[in-house]
């Protein structure tokens, strides 16, 4: 039996209409990706992640400016600095693979390009359901964009 990588690069998406591996790494087979909840193995409860570096699957993207740990509504706001010309992005908690508290790094399972192409962070609308649906939908859709055979098995 294959072992589960404790820090997978990205989850394995389910083909439509199958009971294959889940697109939600912590959910049962066939469950949907939940962008607004941290994964079970991600230890962030009551820890201030502000100042932690953020590592995409292909390198650093910036640092955490603020973090929310609200139940079913958690996210990170990342200051990308000069990499995105000072742009800030909101990353739903479900994109966090793991947090290394020793090195103060948050690892996410998206590439720099996927983060760069995300809807722009709007601090005036971050609690607006339509904005959150759009952002959550974008990150959920990026799972289906993973080329076949490149996702690690569970």
C-alpha atoms as a PDB file:
ATOM      1  CA  UNK A   1       0.000   0.000   0.000  1.00  0.00           C
ATOM      2  CA  UNK A   2       1.348   3.423  -0.945  1.00  0.00           C
ATOM      3  CA  UNK A   3       2.048   5.911   1.828  1.00  0.00           C
ATOM      4  CA  UNK A   4       0.492   9.338   1.789  1.00  0.00           C
ATOM      5  CA  UNK A   5       2.997  12.121   1.360  1.00  0.00           C
ATOM      6  CA  UNK A   6       2.571  14.329   4.471  1.00  0.00           C
ATOM      7  CA  UNK A   7       3.256  17.406   2.324  1.00  0.00           C
ATOM      8  CA  UNK A   8       1.837  16.691  -1.130  1.00  0.00           C
ATOM      9  CA  UNK A   9       2.634  19.178  -3.879  1.00  0.00           C
ATOM     10  CA  UNK A  10      -1.055  19.306  -4.748  1.00  0.00           C
ATOM     11  CA  UNK A  11      -4.091  17.083  -4.236  1.00  0.00           C
ATOM     12  CA  UNK A  12      -5.239  14.582  -6.786  1.00  0.00           C
ATOM     13  CA  UNK A  13      -8.402  15.742  -8.543  1.00  0.00           C
ATOM     14  CA  UNK A  14     -11.331  13.385  -9.018  1.00  0.00           C
ATOM     15  CA  UNK A  15     -12.344  12.666 -12.562  1.00  0.00           C
ATOM     16  CA  UNK A  16     -15.980  13.705 -13.075  1.00  0.00           C
ATOM     17  CA  UNK A  17     -18.447  10.992 -12.193  1.00  0.00           C
ATOM     18  CA  UNK A  18     -15.966   8.734 -10.390  1.00  0.00           C
ATOM     19  CA  UNK A  19     -15.292   7.757  -6.832  1.00  0.00           C
ATOM     20  CA  UNK A  20     -11.571   8.402  -7.303  1.00  0.00           C
ATOM     21  CA  UNK A  21      -9.306  10.331  -4.967  1.00  0.00           C
ATOM     22  CA  UNK A  22     -10.751  13.460  -3.492  1.00  0.00           C
ATOM     23  CA  UNK A  23      -9.959  16.948  -4.693  1.00  0.00           C
ATOM     24  CA  UNK A  24     -10.075  17.818  -0.994  1.00  0.00           C
ATOM     25  CA  UNK A  25      -6.990  16.165   0.529  1.00  0.00           C
ATOM     26  CA  UNK A  26      -8.746  15.679   3.888  1.00  0.00           C
ATOM     27  CA  UNK A  27     -12.180  14.702   2.675  1.00  0.00           C
ATOM     28  CA  UNK A  28     -13.564  11.330   1.742  1.00  0.00           C
ATOM     29  CA  UNK A  29     -13.339  10.232  -1.890  1.00  0.00           C
ATOM     30  CA  UNK A  30     -15.485  12.414  -4.135  1.00  0.00           C
ATOM     31  CA  UNK A  31     -15.770  15.287  -1.648  1.00  0.00           C
ATOM     32  CA  UNK A  32     -15.434  18.836  -2.903  1.00  0.00           C
ATOM     33  CA  UNK A  33     -12.515  21.189  -2.275  1.00  0.00           C
ATOM     34  CA  UNK A  34     -13.362  23.539   0.608  1.00  0.00           C
ATOM     35  CA  UNK A  35     -11.368  26.716   0.014  1.00  0.00           C
ATOM     36  CA  UNK A  36     -12.211  28.365   3.345  1.00  0.00           C
ATOM     37  CA  UNK A  37     -11.011  25.693   5.786  1.00  0.00           C
ATOM     38  CA  UNK A  38      -7.451  24.779   6.721  1.00  0.00           C
ATOM     39  CA  UNK A  39      -6.622  21.131   6.197  1.00  0.00           C
ATOM     40  CA  UNK A  40      -6.745  18.864   9.243  1.00  0.00           C
ATOM     41  CA  UNK A  41      -2.967  18.377   9.359  1.00  0.00           C
ATOM     42  CA  UNK A  42      -2.237  22.107   9.042  1.00  0.00           C
ATOM     43  CA  UNK A  43      -1.506  23.459  12.515  1.00  0.00           C
ATOM     44  CA  UNK A  44      -2.407  27.134  12.463  1.00  0.00           C
ATOM     45  CA  UNK A  45      -5.111  27.532  15.097  1.00  0.00           C
ATOM     46  CA  UNK A  46      -4.386  30.508  17.354  1.00  0.00           C
ATOM     47  CA  UNK A  47      -0.989  31.093  15.735  1.00  0.00           C
ATOM     48  CA  UNK A  48      -0.319  34.487  14.194  1.00  0.00           C
ATOM     49  CA  UNK A  49       1.084  33.815  10.730  1.00  0.00           C
ATOM     50  CA  UNK A  50       1.756  37.498   9.961  1.00  0.00           C
ATOM     51  CA  UNK A  51       5.312  37.831   8.689  1.00  0.00           C
ATOM     52  CA  UNK A  52       5.650  34.194   7.600  1.00  0.00           C
ATOM     53  CA  UNK A  53       7.061  33.700   4.101  1.00  0.00           C
ATOM     54  CA  UNK A  54       4.720  32.116   1.548  1.00  0.00           C
ATOM     55  CA  UNK A  55       6.081  29.417  -0.752  1.00  0.00           C
ATOM     56  CA  UNK A  56       4.157  28.426  -3.866  1.00  0.00           C
ATOM     57  CA  UNK A  57       4.792  25.048  -5.474  1.00  0.00           C
ATOM     58  CA  UNK A  58       7.495  26.696  -7.615  1.00  0.00           C
ATOM     59  CA  UNK A  59       9.038  29.248  -5.255  1.00  0.00           C
ATOM     60  CA  UNK A  60       8.417  32.176  -2.940  1.00  0.00           C
ATOM     61  CA  UNK A  61       5.605  34.652  -3.574  1.00  0.00           C
ATOM     62  CA  UNK A  62       5.765  36.992  -0.601  1.00  0.00           C
ATOM     63  CA  UNK A  63       4.850  37.152   3.063  1.00  0.00           C
ATOM     64  CA  UNK A  64       1.675  36.900   5.095  1.00  0.00           C
ATOM     65  CA  UNK A  65       0.261  40.334   5.828  1.00  0.00           C
ATOM     66  CA  UNK A  66      -2.733  39.058   7.785  1.00  0.00           C
ATOM     67  CA  UNK A  67      -4.410  35.731   8.511  1.00  0.00           C
ATOM     68  CA  UNK A  68      -7.944  34.794   9.431  1.00  0.00           C
ATOM     69  CA  UNK A  69      -8.750  31.682  11.422  1.00  0.00           C
ATOM     70  CA  UNK A  70     -12.521  32.179  11.363  1.00  0.00           C
ATOM     71  CA  UNK A  71     -14.436  28.913  11.215  1.00  0.00           C
ATOM     72  CA  UNK A  72     -15.286  28.024   7.580  1.00  0.00           C
ATOM     73  CA  UNK A  73     -14.005  31.433   6.471  1.00  0.00           C
ATOM     74  CA  UNK A  74     -10.219  31.282   6.892  1.00  0.00           C
ATOM     75  CA  UNK A  75      -7.718  32.901   4.557  1.00  0.00           C
ATOM     76  CA  UNK A  76      -4.312  34.560   4.205  1.00  0.00           C
ATOM     77  CA  UNK A  77      -3.630  37.983   2.749  1.00  0.00           C
ATOM     78  CA  UNK A  78      -0.202  37.879   1.130  1.00  0.00           C
ATOM     79  CA  UNK A  79       1.924  40.913   0.337  1.00  0.00           C
ATOM     80  CA  UNK A  80       3.754  39.925  -2.832  1.00  0.00           C
ATOM     81  CA  UNK A  81       6.141  42.864  -2.638  1.00  0.00           C
ATOM     82  CA  UNK A  82       8.024  43.689  -5.826  1.00  0.00           C
ATOM     83  CA  UNK A  83       7.222  40.298  -7.389  1.00  0.00           C
ATOM     84  CA  UNK A  84       3.627  41.443  -8.226  1.00  0.00           C
ATOM     85  CA  UNK A  85       4.466  45.149  -8.150  1.00  0.00           C
ATOM     86  CA  UNK A  86       3.244  45.522  -4.579  1.00  0.00           C
ATOM     87  CA  UNK A  87      -0.013  43.661  -5.154  1.00  0.00           C
ATOM     88  CA  UNK A  88      -1.709  41.851  -2.305  1.00  0.00           C
ATOM     89  CA  UNK A  89      -3.552  38.579  -2.858  1.00  0.00           C
ATOM     90  CA  UNK A  90      -6.008  36.597  -0.776  1.00  0.00           C
ATOM     91  CA  UNK A  91      -5.317  32.875  -0.512  1.00  0.00           C
ATOM     92  CA  UNK A  92      -8.144  30.741   0.883  1.00  0.00           C
ATOM     93  CA  UNK A  93      -7.027  28.482   3.740  1.00  0.00           C
ATOM     94  CA  UNK A  94      -7.671  25.359   1.655  1.00  0.00           C
ATOM     95  CA  UNK A  95      -4.663  26.180  -0.527  1.00  0.00           C
ATOM     96  CA  UNK A  96      -2.284  25.812   2.439  1.00  0.00           C
ATOM     97  CA  UNK A  97      -0.383  22.520   2.236  1.00  0.00           C
ATOM     98  CA  UNK A  98       1.501  22.879   5.472  1.00  0.00           C
ATOM     99  CA  UNK A  99       3.113  25.406   7.770  1.00  0.00           C
ATOM    100  CA  UNK A 100       6.704  25.128   8.959  1.00  0.00           C
ATOM    101  CA  UNK A 101       6.830  27.103  12.179  1.00  0.00           C
ATOM    102  CA  UNK A 102      10.594  26.557  12.562  1.00  0.00           C
ATOM    103  CA  UNK A 103      11.384  28.344   9.293  1.00  0.00           C
ATOM    104  CA  UNK A 104       8.260  30.567   9.484  1.00  0.00           C
ATOM    105  CA  UNK A 105       7.035  29.451   6.052  1.00  0.00           C
ATOM    106  CA  UNK A 106       3.555  28.731   4.762  1.00  0.00           C
ATOM    107  CA  UNK A 107       3.561  26.294   1.840  1.00  0.00           C
ATOM    108  CA  UNK A 108       0.658  26.485  -0.614  1.00  0.00           C
ATOM    109  CA  UNK A 109      -0.218  24.041  -3.366  1.00  0.00           C
ATOM    110  CA  UNK A 110      -0.538  26.562  -6.178  1.00  0.00           C
ATOM    111  CA  UNK A 111       2.065  27.860  -8.605  1.00  0.00           C
ATOM    112  CA  UNK A 112       3.212  31.460  -8.839  1.00  0.00           C
ATOM    113  CA  UNK A 113       1.317  31.826 -12.116  1.00  0.00           C
ATOM    114  CA  UNK A 114      -1.920  30.521 -10.571  1.00  0.00           C
ATOM    115  CA  UNK A 115      -1.592  33.001  -7.707  1.00  0.00           C
ATOM    116  CA  UNK A 116      -0.685  35.833 -10.061  1.00  0.00           C
ATOM    117  CA  UNK A 117      -3.783  35.102 -12.209  1.00  0.00           C
ATOM    118  CA  UNK A 118      -6.122  35.068  -9.187  1.00  0.00           C
ATOM    119  CA  UNK A 119      -8.815  37.719  -8.794  1.00  0.00           C
ATOM    120  CA  UNK A 120      -7.327  40.865  -7.286  1.00  0.00           C
ATOM    121  CA  UNK A 121      -7.622  41.209  -3.516  1.00  0.00           C
ATOM    122  CA  UNK A 122     -10.306  43.694  -2.543  1.00  0.00           C
ATOM    123  CA  UNK A 123     -10.081  44.536   1.148  1.00  0.00           C
ATOM    124  CA  UNK A 124     -13.434  46.328   0.983  1.00  0.00           C
ATOM    125  CA  UNK A 125     -15.153  43.190  -0.321  1.00  0.00           C
ATOM    126  CA  UNK A 126     -13.327  40.391   1.515  1.00  0.00           C
ATOM    127  CA  UNK A 127     -16.507  39.532   3.452  1.00  0.00           C
ATOM    128  CA  UNK A 128     -18.802  39.945   0.435  1.00  0.00           C
ATOM    129  CA  UNK A 129     -20.290  36.520  -0.466  1.00  0.00           C
ATOM    130  CA  UNK A 130     -20.065  37.174  -4.229  1.00  0.00           C
ATOM    131  CA  UNK A 131     -16.349  38.075  -4.004  1.00  0.00           C
ATOM    132  CA  UNK A 132     -15.609  35.063  -1.797  1.00  0.00           C
ATOM    133  CA  UNK A 133     -17.553  32.757  -4.151  1.00  0.00           C
ATOM    134  CA  UNK A 134     -15.566  34.091  -7.121  1.00  0.00           C
ATOM    135  CA  UNK A 135     -12.246  33.687  -5.307  1.00  0.00           C
ATOM    136  CA  UNK A 136     -13.110  30.250  -3.900  1.00  0.00           C
ATOM    137  CA  UNK A 137     -14.326  29.173  -7.340  1.00  0.00           C
ATOM    138  CA  UNK A 138     -11.084  30.316  -8.950  1.00  0.00           C
ATOM    139  CA  UNK A 139      -8.933  28.301  -6.556  1.00  0.00           C
ATOM    140  CA  UNK A 140     -11.264  25.295  -6.791  1.00  0.00           C
ATOM    141  CA  UNK A 141     -11.061  25.415 -10.578  1.00  0.00           C
ATOM    142  CA  UNK A 142      -7.257  25.434 -10.478  1.00  0.00           C
ATOM    143  CA  UNK A 143      -7.371  21.823  -9.231  1.00  0.00           C
ATOM    144  CA  UNK A 144      -8.987  20.764 -12.491  1.00  0.00           C
ATOM    145  CA  UNK A 145      -6.198  22.531 -14.410  1.00  0.00           C
ATOM    146  CA  UNK A 146      -3.546  20.091 -13.119  1.00  0.00           C
ATOM    147  CA  UNK A 147      -2.274  18.043 -16.085  1.00  0.00           C
ATOM    148  CA  UNK A 148      -3.144  14.320 -15.846  1.00  0.00           C
ATOM    149  CA  UNK A 149      -0.424  12.167 -14.304  1.00  0.00           C
ATOM    150  CA  UNK A 150       1.348  15.047 -12.520  1.00  0.00           C
ATOM    151  CA  UNK A 151      -0.532  14.994  -9.211  1.00  0.00           C
ATOM    152  CA  UNK A 152       0.905  12.855  -6.459  1.00  0.00           C
ATOM    153  CA  UNK A 153      -1.115   9.857  -5.372  1.00  0.00           C
ATOM    154  CA  UNK A 154      -2.591   9.786  -1.904  1.00  0.00           C
END
